[in-house]
């Protein structure tokens, strides 16, 4: 039975659970993308991944019509940035990133 994703928080939780422990190999990403498409993902026009060969290959394989551009800001660099900001501004800045 398919679960519906009604909030952004649920989507993030489901993706974190699915991606946890995944390798960066093309097969792993391809499996994830197929799973997302089976759940209704369609019309992907732009993907901004890190520059991992397996991820880029899986995008090319599963989303032939999508453009891709290398992501220049990783979650790690955002976390590092926020950790160096004053605590009073972290929530506001995190919402804008």
C-alpha atoms as a PDB file:
ATOM      1  CA  UNK A   1       0.000   0.000   0.000  1.00  0.00           C
ATOM      2  CA  UNK A   2       1.333   3.439  -0.938  1.00  0.00           C
ATOM      3  CA  UNK A   3       1.677   6.022   1.778  1.00  0.00           C
ATOM      4  CA  UNK A   4       0.817   9.564   0.854  1.00  0.00           C
ATOM      5  CA  UNK A   5       3.294  12.318   1.553  1.00  0.00           C
ATOM      6  CA  UNK A   6       1.341  15.237   2.892  1.00  0.00           C
ATOM      7  CA  UNK A   7       4.001  17.423   4.449  1.00  0.00           C
ATOM      8  CA  UNK A   8       7.548  18.423   3.658  1.00  0.00           C
ATOM      9  CA  UNK A   9       8.588  16.993   7.034  1.00  0.00           C
ATOM     10  CA  UNK A  10       7.199  13.570   6.074  1.00  0.00           C
ATOM     11  CA  UNK A  11       8.971  13.685   2.729  1.00  0.00           C
ATOM     12  CA  UNK A  12      12.299  14.504   4.373  1.00  0.00           C
ATOM     13  CA  UNK A  13      11.818  11.741   6.978  1.00  0.00           C
ATOM     14  CA  UNK A  14      11.004   9.108   4.340  1.00  0.00           C
ATOM     15  CA  UNK A  15      13.967  10.124   2.187  1.00  0.00           C
ATOM     16  CA  UNK A  16      16.363  10.107   5.147  1.00  0.00           C
ATOM     17  CA  UNK A  17      15.221   6.599   6.064  1.00  0.00           C
ATOM     18  CA  UNK A  18      15.587   5.413   2.477  1.00  0.00           C
ATOM     19  CA  UNK A  19      18.987   7.034   1.887  1.00  0.00           C
ATOM     20  CA  UNK A  20      20.558   6.047   5.227  1.00  0.00           C
ATOM     21  CA  UNK A  21      23.477   3.717   4.605  1.00  0.00           C
ATOM     22  CA  UNK A  22      23.213   4.027   0.835  1.00  0.00           C
ATOM     23  CA  UNK A  23      26.408   3.906  -1.196  1.00  0.00           C
ATOM     24  CA  UNK A  24      27.296   6.549  -3.766  1.00  0.00           C
ATOM     25  CA  UNK A  25      27.224   3.968  -6.566  1.00  0.00           C
ATOM     26  CA  UNK A  26      25.038   4.546  -9.611  1.00  0.00           C
ATOM     27  CA  UNK A  27      23.000   1.424  -8.804  1.00  0.00           C
ATOM     28  CA  UNK A  28      22.031   2.753  -5.352  1.00  0.00           C
ATOM     29  CA  UNK A  29      20.959   6.127  -6.701  1.00  0.00           C
ATOM     30  CA  UNK A  30      19.184   4.493  -9.635  1.00  0.00           C
ATOM     31  CA  UNK A  31      17.220   2.290  -7.236  1.00  0.00           C
ATOM     32  CA  UNK A  32      16.234   5.346  -5.191  1.00  0.00           C
ATOM     33  CA  UNK A  33      15.135   7.258  -8.297  1.00  0.00           C
ATOM     34  CA  UNK A  34      13.080   4.315  -9.587  1.00  0.00           C
ATOM     35  CA  UNK A  35      11.407   4.054  -6.159  1.00  0.00           C
ATOM     36  CA  UNK A  36      10.591   7.774  -6.178  1.00  0.00           C
ATOM     37  CA  UNK A  37       9.170   7.537  -9.701  1.00  0.00           C
ATOM     38  CA  UNK A  38       7.025   4.573  -8.652  1.00  0.00           C
ATOM     39  CA  UNK A  39       5.667   6.798  -5.879  1.00  0.00           C
ATOM     40  CA  UNK A  40       4.663   9.446  -8.408  1.00  0.00           C
ATOM     41  CA  UNK A  41       7.736  11.598  -8.990  1.00  0.00           C
ATOM     42  CA  UNK A  42       7.555  13.009 -12.511  1.00  0.00           C
ATOM     43  CA  UNK A  43       8.396  16.107 -14.497  1.00  0.00           C
ATOM     44  CA  UNK A  44      11.900  16.521 -13.083  1.00  0.00           C
ATOM     45  CA  UNK A  45      13.420  19.444 -14.942  1.00  0.00           C
ATOM     46  CA  UNK A  46      16.486  20.358 -12.882  1.00  0.00           C
ATOM     47  CA  UNK A  47      18.722  18.398 -10.514  1.00  0.00           C
ATOM     48  CA  UNK A  48      21.535  20.019  -8.513  1.00  0.00           C
ATOM     49  CA  UNK A  49      23.640  17.170  -7.080  1.00  0.00           C
ATOM     50  CA  UNK A  50      27.110  16.948  -5.654  1.00  0.00           C
ATOM     51  CA  UNK A  51      29.578  15.866  -8.320  1.00  0.00           C
ATOM     52  CA  UNK A  52      29.630  12.121  -7.549  1.00  0.00           C
ATOM     53  CA  UNK A  53      30.031  10.013 -10.678  1.00  0.00           C
ATOM     54  CA  UNK A  54      27.449   7.430  -9.623  1.00  0.00           C
ATOM     55  CA  UNK A  55      24.864  10.072  -8.803  1.00  0.00           C
ATOM     56  CA  UNK A  56      25.420  11.982 -12.042  1.00  0.00           C
ATOM     57  CA  UNK A  57      25.172   8.744 -14.060  1.00  0.00           C
ATOM     58  CA  UNK A  58      21.956   7.720 -12.302  1.00  0.00           C
ATOM     59  CA  UNK A  59      20.419  11.146 -12.985  1.00  0.00           C
ATOM     60  CA  UNK A  60      21.312  10.856 -16.662  1.00  0.00           C
ATOM     61  CA  UNK A  61      19.818   7.353 -16.762  1.00  0.00           C
ATOM     62  CA  UNK A  62      16.597   8.010 -14.844  1.00  0.00           C
ATOM     63  CA  UNK A  63      15.822  11.645 -15.744  1.00  0.00           C
ATOM     64  CA  UNK A  64      16.857  11.924 -19.380  1.00  0.00           C
ATOM     65  CA  UNK A  65      15.113  15.262 -19.934  1.00  0.00           C
ATOM     66  CA  UNK A  66      16.384  16.921 -16.758  1.00  0.00           C
ATOM     67  CA  UNK A  67      19.164  19.452 -16.744  1.00  0.00           C
ATOM     68  CA  UNK A  68      21.755  19.090 -14.040  1.00  0.00           C
ATOM     69  CA  UNK A  69      24.153  21.533 -12.530  1.00  0.00           C
ATOM     70  CA  UNK A  70      26.703  20.691  -9.886  1.00  0.00           C
ATOM     71  CA  UNK A  71      25.650  21.775  -6.410  1.00  0.00           C
ATOM     72  CA  UNK A  72      28.096  24.270  -4.998  1.00  0.00           C
ATOM     73  CA  UNK A  73      26.745  24.259  -1.426  1.00  0.00           C
ATOM     74  CA  UNK A  74      26.623  20.949   0.389  1.00  0.00           C
ATOM     75  CA  UNK A  75      24.603  20.290   3.555  1.00  0.00           C
ATOM     76  CA  UNK A  76      27.896  19.991   5.427  1.00  0.00           C
ATOM     77  CA  UNK A  77      29.025  23.453   4.373  1.00  0.00           C
ATOM     78  CA  UNK A  78      25.625  24.906   5.355  1.00  0.00           C
ATOM     79  CA  UNK A  79      25.887  23.271   8.790  1.00  0.00           C
ATOM     80  CA  UNK A  80      29.427  24.630   9.195  1.00  0.00           C
ATOM     81  CA  UNK A  81      28.267  28.093   8.184  1.00  0.00           C
ATOM     82  CA  UNK A  82      25.354  28.051  10.623  1.00  0.00           C
ATOM     83  CA  UNK A  83      27.547  26.792  13.464  1.00  0.00           C
ATOM     84  CA  UNK A  84      29.791  29.832  13.023  1.00  0.00           C
ATOM     85  CA  UNK A  85      26.884  32.293  13.078  1.00  0.00           C
ATOM     86  CA  UNK A  86      25.584  33.871  16.272  1.00  0.00           C
ATOM     87  CA  UNK A  87      23.064  31.552  17.966  1.00  0.00           C
ATOM     88  CA  UNK A  88      20.436  34.303  17.859  1.00  0.00           C
ATOM     89  CA  UNK A  89      20.550  34.310  14.033  1.00  0.00           C
ATOM     90  CA  UNK A  90      20.890  30.578  13.292  1.00  0.00           C
ATOM     91  CA  UNK A  91      17.157  29.790  13.003  1.00  0.00           C
ATOM     92  CA  UNK A  92      16.491  32.764  10.751  1.00  0.00           C
ATOM     93  CA  UNK A  93      19.471  32.026   8.523  1.00  0.00           C
ATOM     94  CA  UNK A  94      18.660  28.297   8.338  1.00  0.00           C
ATOM     95  CA  UNK A  95      15.165  29.129   7.078  1.00  0.00           C
ATOM     96  CA  UNK A  96      16.666  31.230   4.291  1.00  0.00           C
ATOM     97  CA  UNK A  97      19.292  28.737   3.119  1.00  0.00           C
END
